[in-house]
Structure formats: C-alpha cells, structure tokens
C-alpha cells in the first residue's frame, strides 16, 4: 500500500483558511472569501514569470498572498500509522491601505503589524474549531516591514512579511 504523505491538502486548506480571514481580506483589499481566494497563489514558481510580465510600465498586481510548502516530516508512529507535519510559508505583499494613507510612517507600520496579527488570530480561531488545519506553531521568518522603495518599481508603498505555519500531528 502506498504511503500518503498528505502534504498538498494542508497547503490548500491553509489557503482556504486565509481566504476566510477578515483580516486577510482587508490586506487583500477585498470583501469576500471568494475574492480573497483569487489573490492567494500557490508556490513561488510563478515568480520568474510574474517578474517578466510586469515592468515599470505594468506594475505588479498587488496585494497578494503566496502559499508554499516549506518542509514536511513524516514519521512512523506504530507498525501501521504515520504522523506527518508540514511547514508552510505565507508571503504577504500589500500596498498601504487607503485607511492608513494619511498616517505617519510609524503609524502605518503599526497598522500593518496589527493586520498581520489579526490574520494570525483568525488562523488560531479557525484552527481551534478542530475542523480545519491543525496548526501547531506560527512565526515570522521575515518580520513585517516596508519594502525597499528602490526595489518596488514605484508602485507605491509596499508592506510585506513571511509567516511560517506548522501543522499536523
């Protein structure tokens, strides 16, 4: 019998959970889970094509979330059972929200932190239901920050972070 490692489904489930997060929807500038899902992409494989498609005349279509498997570990528990854990990275890229545009740089930073914190809280709440992805740990592998304006092709003020989500058990 083939071993099923269950590494694709957790990535898909996390994307679904993100699309249902009201805080993620706010960062994505949308008002529904369906609209959010359209701005959540899988993997980093599209980045080269994405970079080639957009230049100074055609700015990147931000905001977006990119969800990618970072690692997985499957261990034999007994003679007939396995336990699999996954690490999934979520890159968040967004422009300064209209609601924050008139704030100082420090206030915009705090606003972005609060929204990222809201996404984490929403994921915790959904994971606690016991019917979604069993999230066991969350951290920022790249802290929330403003992107270097020299690298953003003058598309506006870009805020970004990378969250690492551990799940399984």
C-alpha atoms as a PDB file:
ATOM      1  CA  UNK A   1       0.000   0.000   0.000  1.00  0.00           C
ATOM      2  CA  UNK A   2       1.379   3.411  -0.963  1.00  0.00           C
ATOM      3  CA  UNK A   3       2.087   5.869   1.835  1.00  0.00           C
ATOM      4  CA  UNK A   4       0.000   9.036   1.605  1.00  0.00           C
ATOM      5  CA  UNK A   5       2.084  11.881   2.976  1.00  0.00           C
ATOM      6  CA  UNK A   6      -0.696  14.462   2.986  1.00  0.00           C
ATOM      7  CA  UNK A   7       1.391  17.469   2.042  1.00  0.00           C
ATOM      8  CA  UNK A   8      -0.728  19.079  -0.690  1.00  0.00           C
ATOM      9  CA  UNK A   9      -4.022  19.140   1.218  1.00  0.00           C
ATOM     10  CA  UNK A  10      -2.648  21.173   4.161  1.00  0.00           C
ATOM     11  CA  UNK A  11      -1.382  23.836   1.733  1.00  0.00           C
ATOM     12  CA  UNK A  12      -4.803  24.011   0.094  1.00  0.00           C
ATOM     13  CA  UNK A  13      -6.566  24.071   3.492  1.00  0.00           C
ATOM     14  CA  UNK A  14      -4.350  26.919   4.737  1.00  0.00           C
ATOM     15  CA  UNK A  15      -5.141  28.952   1.615  1.00  0.00           C
ATOM     16  CA  UNK A  16      -8.841  28.347   2.261  1.00  0.00           C
ATOM     17  CA  UNK A  17      -8.452  29.465   5.887  1.00  0.00           C
ATOM     18  CA  UNK A  18      -6.616  32.601   4.782  1.00  0.00           C
ATOM     19  CA  UNK A  19      -9.341  33.456   2.284  1.00  0.00           C
ATOM     20  CA  UNK A  20     -11.909  33.231   5.106  1.00  0.00           C
ATOM     21  CA  UNK A  21      -9.927  35.562   7.381  1.00  0.00           C
ATOM     22  CA  UNK A  22     -11.491  39.031   7.561  1.00  0.00           C
ATOM     23  CA  UNK A  23      -8.049  40.481   8.325  1.00  0.00           C
ATOM     24  CA  UNK A  24      -6.520  38.784   5.277  1.00  0.00           C
ATOM     25  CA  UNK A  25      -9.407  40.099   3.202  1.00  0.00           C
ATOM     26  CA  UNK A  26      -8.635  43.627   4.456  1.00  0.00           C
ATOM     27  CA  UNK A  27      -4.953  43.272   3.492  1.00  0.00           C
ATOM     28  CA  UNK A  28      -6.025  41.961   0.092  1.00  0.00           C
ATOM     29  CA  UNK A  29      -8.487  44.816  -0.360  1.00  0.00           C
ATOM     30  CA  UNK A  30     -11.489  42.538  -0.898  1.00  0.00           C
ATOM     31  CA  UNK A  31     -14.760  41.879   0.876  1.00  0.00           C
ATOM     32  CA  UNK A  32     -15.331  38.149   0.451  1.00  0.00           C
ATOM     33  CA  UNK A  33     -13.610  34.797   0.747  1.00  0.00           C
ATOM     34  CA  UNK A  34     -14.145  34.190  -2.984  1.00  0.00           C
ATOM     35  CA  UNK A  35     -12.405  37.444  -3.931  1.00  0.00           C
ATOM     36  CA  UNK A  36      -9.604  36.751  -1.457  1.00  0.00           C
ATOM     37  CA  UNK A  37      -9.041  33.283  -2.928  1.00  0.00           C
ATOM     38  CA  UNK A  38      -8.292  34.864  -6.305  1.00  0.00           C
ATOM     39  CA  UNK A  39      -5.378  36.786  -4.750  1.00  0.00           C
ATOM     40  CA  UNK A  40      -3.886  33.795  -2.932  1.00  0.00           C
ATOM     41  CA  UNK A  41      -1.375  31.937  -5.105  1.00  0.00           C
ATOM     42  CA  UNK A  42       0.383  28.622  -4.578  1.00  0.00           C
ATOM     43  CA  UNK A  43       4.133  28.249  -4.604  1.00  0.00           C
ATOM     44  CA  UNK A  44       6.867  30.597  -5.595  1.00  0.00           C
ATOM     45  CA  UNK A  45       7.269  29.005  -9.027  1.00  0.00           C
ATOM     46  CA  UNK A  46       5.311  31.752 -10.741  1.00  0.00           C
ATOM     47  CA  UNK A  47       7.682  34.463  -9.532  1.00  0.00           C
ATOM     48  CA  UNK A  48      10.048  34.431 -12.531  1.00  0.00           C
ATOM     49  CA  UNK A  49       7.140  34.593 -14.957  1.00  0.00           C
ATOM     50  CA  UNK A  50       5.497  37.169 -12.706  1.00  0.00           C
ATOM     51  CA  UNK A  51       8.643  39.316 -12.734  1.00  0.00           C
ATOM     52  CA  UNK A  52       8.973  39.095 -16.519  1.00  0.00           C
ATOM     53  CA  UNK A  53       5.319  40.014 -17.082  1.00  0.00           C
ATOM     54  CA  UNK A  54       5.479  43.210 -15.068  1.00  0.00           C
ATOM     55  CA  UNK A  55       7.868  46.066 -15.582  1.00  0.00           C
ATOM     56  CA  UNK A  56       7.967  49.802 -14.934  1.00  0.00           C
ATOM     57  CA  UNK A  57       5.015  50.325 -17.258  1.00  0.00           C
ATOM     58  CA  UNK A  58       2.975  47.452 -15.811  1.00  0.00           C
ATOM     59  CA  UNK A  59       3.291  47.319 -12.029  1.00  0.00           C
ATOM     60  CA  UNK A  60       2.871  44.132 -10.025  1.00  0.00           C
ATOM     61  CA  UNK A  61      -0.733  43.271  -9.269  1.00  0.00           C
ATOM     62  CA  UNK A  62      -0.569  43.693  -5.520  1.00  0.00           C
ATOM     63  CA  UNK A  63      -1.833  42.809  -2.993  1.00  0.00           C
ATOM     64  CA  UNK A  64      -1.232  39.073  -2.981  1.00  0.00           C
ATOM     65  CA  UNK A  65      -0.507  36.167  -0.673  1.00  0.00           C
ATOM     66  CA  UNK A  66       1.748  33.332  -1.797  1.00  0.00           C
ATOM     67  CA  UNK A  67       1.378  29.994  -0.001  1.00  0.00           C
ATOM     68  CA  UNK A  68       4.165  27.427  -0.420  1.00  0.00           C
ATOM     69  CA  UNK A  69       5.253  24.208   1.236  1.00  0.00           C
ATOM     70  CA  UNK A  70       8.492  24.841   3.072  1.00  0.00           C
ATOM     71  CA  UNK A  71       9.109  21.390   4.527  1.00  0.00           C
ATOM     72  CA  UNK A  72       7.411  18.228   5.718  1.00  0.00           C
ATOM     73  CA  UNK A  73       8.299  15.417   8.079  1.00  0.00           C
ATOM     74  CA  UNK A  74       6.587  12.051   8.142  1.00  0.00           C
ATOM     75  CA  UNK A  75       7.432   9.652  10.963  1.00  0.00           C
ATOM     76  CA  UNK A  76       6.297   6.137  11.609  1.00  0.00           C
ATOM     77  CA  UNK A  77       4.441   6.021  14.925  1.00  0.00           C
ATOM     78  CA  UNK A  78       3.483   2.361  15.052  1.00  0.00           C
ATOM     79  CA  UNK A  79       3.672  -0.518  12.618  1.00  0.00           C
ATOM     80  CA  UNK A  80       0.585   0.767  10.850  1.00  0.00           C
ATOM     81  CA  UNK A  81       0.470   4.516  11.460  1.00  0.00           C
ATOM     82  CA  UNK A  82       2.410   7.576  10.418  1.00  0.00           C
ATOM     83  CA  UNK A  83       2.397  11.152  11.676  1.00  0.00           C
ATOM     84  CA  UNK A  84       3.090  13.943   9.194  1.00  0.00           C
ATOM     85  CA  UNK A  85       3.854  17.548   9.997  1.00  0.00           C
ATOM     86  CA  UNK A  86       4.176  20.310   7.420  1.00  0.00           C
ATOM     87  CA  UNK A  87       5.772  23.731   7.356  1.00  0.00           C
ATOM     88  CA  UNK A  88       4.034  26.190   5.062  1.00  0.00           C
ATOM     89  CA  UNK A  89       5.258  29.690   4.231  1.00  0.00           C
ATOM     90  CA  UNK A  90       2.812  32.514   3.578  1.00  0.00           C
ATOM     91  CA  UNK A  91       4.261  35.591   1.917  1.00  0.00           C
ATOM     92  CA  UNK A  92       2.046  38.631   2.302  1.00  0.00           C
ATOM     93  CA  UNK A  93       2.604  41.604  -0.012  1.00  0.00           C
ATOM     94  CA  UNK A  94       0.289  44.589   0.012  1.00  0.00           C
ATOM     95  CA  UNK A  95       0.220  48.299  -0.609  1.00  0.00           C
ATOM     96  CA  UNK A  96      -0.552  50.841   2.094  1.00  0.00           C
ATOM     97  CA  UNK A  97      -4.272  50.652   2.658  1.00  0.00           C
ATOM     98  CA  UNK A  98      -6.377  53.711   1.902  1.00  0.00           C
ATOM     99  CA  UNK A  99      -7.417  53.819   5.562  1.00  0.00           C
ATOM    100  CA  UNK A 100      -3.755  54.241   6.548  1.00  0.00           C
ATOM    101  CA  UNK A 101      -2.557  56.588   3.804  1.00  0.00           C
ATOM    102  CA  UNK A 102      -2.674  59.754   5.926  1.00  0.00           C
ATOM    103  CA  UNK A 103      -0.868  58.183   8.892  1.00  0.00           C
ATOM    104  CA  UNK A 104       2.804  58.721   9.703  1.00  0.00           C
ATOM    105  CA  UNK A 105       5.333  56.049   8.700  1.00  0.00           C
ATOM    106  CA  UNK A 106       5.385  54.745  12.281  1.00  0.00           C
ATOM    107  CA  UNK A 107       1.596  54.586  12.387  1.00  0.00           C
ATOM    108  CA  UNK A 108       1.482  52.753   9.023  1.00  0.00           C
ATOM    109  CA  UNK A 109       3.972  50.220  10.365  1.00  0.00           C
ATOM    110  CA  UNK A 110       1.862  49.626  13.484  1.00  0.00           C
ATOM    111  CA  UNK A 111      -1.275  49.344  11.319  1.00  0.00           C
ATOM    112  CA  UNK A 112       0.402  46.670   9.181  1.00  0.00           C
ATOM    113  CA  UNK A 113       1.573  44.812  12.315  1.00  0.00           C
ATOM    114  CA  UNK A 114      -1.963  44.880  13.705  1.00  0.00           C
ATOM    115  CA  UNK A 115      -3.385  43.479  10.471  1.00  0.00           C
ATOM    116  CA  UNK A 116      -0.790  40.694  10.338  1.00  0.00           C
ATOM    117  CA  UNK A 117      -1.573  39.963  13.988  1.00  0.00           C
ATOM    118  CA  UNK A 118      -5.252  39.822  13.004  1.00  0.00           C
ATOM    119  CA  UNK A 119      -4.505  37.239  10.300  1.00  0.00           C
ATOM    120  CA  UNK A 120      -2.652  35.125  12.890  1.00  0.00           C
ATOM    121  CA  UNK A 121      -5.561  35.491  15.342  1.00  0.00           C
ATOM    122  CA  UNK A 122      -8.046  34.474  12.637  1.00  0.00           C
ATOM    123  CA  UNK A 123      -5.971  31.373  11.843  1.00  0.00           C
ATOM    124  CA  UNK A 124      -5.810  30.488  15.565  1.00  0.00           C
ATOM    125  CA  UNK A 125      -9.585  30.810  15.845  1.00  0.00           C
ATOM    126  CA  UNK A 126     -10.192  28.640  12.798  1.00  0.00           C
ATOM    127  CA  UNK A 127      -7.652  26.015  13.926  1.00  0.00           C
ATOM    128  CA  UNK A 128      -9.323  25.845  17.360  1.00  0.00           C
ATOM    129  CA  UNK A 129     -12.550  24.649  15.748  1.00  0.00           C
ATOM    130  CA  UNK A 130     -10.986  21.214  15.228  1.00  0.00           C
ATOM    131  CA  UNK A 131     -12.474  21.001  11.742  1.00  0.00           C
ATOM    132  CA  UNK A 132      -9.737  22.790   9.823  1.00  0.00           C
ATOM    133  CA  UNK A 133      -5.957  22.525   9.591  1.00  0.00           C
ATOM    134  CA  UNK A 134      -4.335  21.501  12.898  1.00  0.00           C
ATOM    135  CA  UNK A 135      -1.951  24.463  13.292  1.00  0.00           C
ATOM    136  CA  UNK A 136       0.663  23.837  15.962  1.00  0.00           C
ATOM    137  CA  UNK A 137       3.030  26.809  15.557  1.00  0.00           C
ATOM    138  CA  UNK A 138       3.233  30.159  13.751  1.00  0.00           C
ATOM    139  CA  UNK A 139       6.130  32.588  13.422  1.00  0.00           C
ATOM    140  CA  UNK A 140       7.519  35.241  11.104  1.00  0.00           C
ATOM    141  CA  UNK A 141      10.548  34.076   9.132  1.00  0.00           C
ATOM    142  CA  UNK A 142      10.713  37.562   7.601  1.00  0.00           C
ATOM    143  CA  UNK A 143       9.468  40.217  10.015  1.00  0.00           C
ATOM    144  CA  UNK A 144       6.716  42.589   8.868  1.00  0.00           C
ATOM    145  CA  UNK A 145       8.352  45.524   7.113  1.00  0.00           C
ATOM    146  CA  UNK A 146       8.159  48.096   4.371  1.00  0.00           C
ATOM    147  CA  UNK A 147       9.833  47.002   1.146  1.00  0.00           C
ATOM    148  CA  UNK A 148      12.776  48.981  -0.140  1.00  0.00           C
ATOM    149  CA  UNK A 149      11.240  51.667  -2.404  1.00  0.00           C
ATOM    150  CA  UNK A 150      14.131  51.216  -4.867  1.00  0.00           C
ATOM    151  CA  UNK A 151      13.017  47.620  -5.454  1.00  0.00           C
ATOM    152  CA  UNK A 152       9.283  48.194  -5.794  1.00  0.00           C
ATOM    153  CA  UNK A 153       9.355  49.952  -9.179  1.00  0.00           C
ATOM    154  CA  UNK A 154       7.484  52.982  -7.888  1.00  0.00           C
ATOM    155  CA  UNK A 155       4.218  51.098  -7.500  1.00  0.00           C
ATOM    156  CA  UNK A 156       3.626  52.632  -4.092  1.00  0.00           C
ATOM    157  CA  UNK A 157       4.490  51.793  -0.543  1.00  0.00           C
ATOM    158  CA  UNK A 158       4.705  48.001  -0.275  1.00  0.00           C
ATOM    159  CA  UNK A 159       4.470  46.166   3.035  1.00  0.00           C
ATOM    160  CA  UNK A 160       5.413  42.527   3.345  1.00  0.00           C
ATOM    161  CA  UNK A 161       6.201  39.626   5.629  1.00  0.00           C
ATOM    162  CA  UNK A 162       6.610  35.867   5.512  1.00  0.00           C
ATOM    163  CA  UNK A 163       4.781  33.739   8.063  1.00  0.00           C
ATOM    164  CA  UNK A 164       5.758  30.122   8.742  1.00  0.00           C
ATOM    165  CA  UNK A 165       2.818  27.906   9.690  1.00  0.00           C
ATOM    166  CA  UNK A 166       3.494  24.487  11.202  1.00  0.00           C
ATOM    167  CA  UNK A 167       0.656  21.987  11.109  1.00  0.00           C
ATOM    168  CA  UNK A 168      -0.040  18.302  11.524  1.00  0.00           C
ATOM    169  CA  UNK A 169       0.140  15.809  14.249  1.00  0.00           C
END
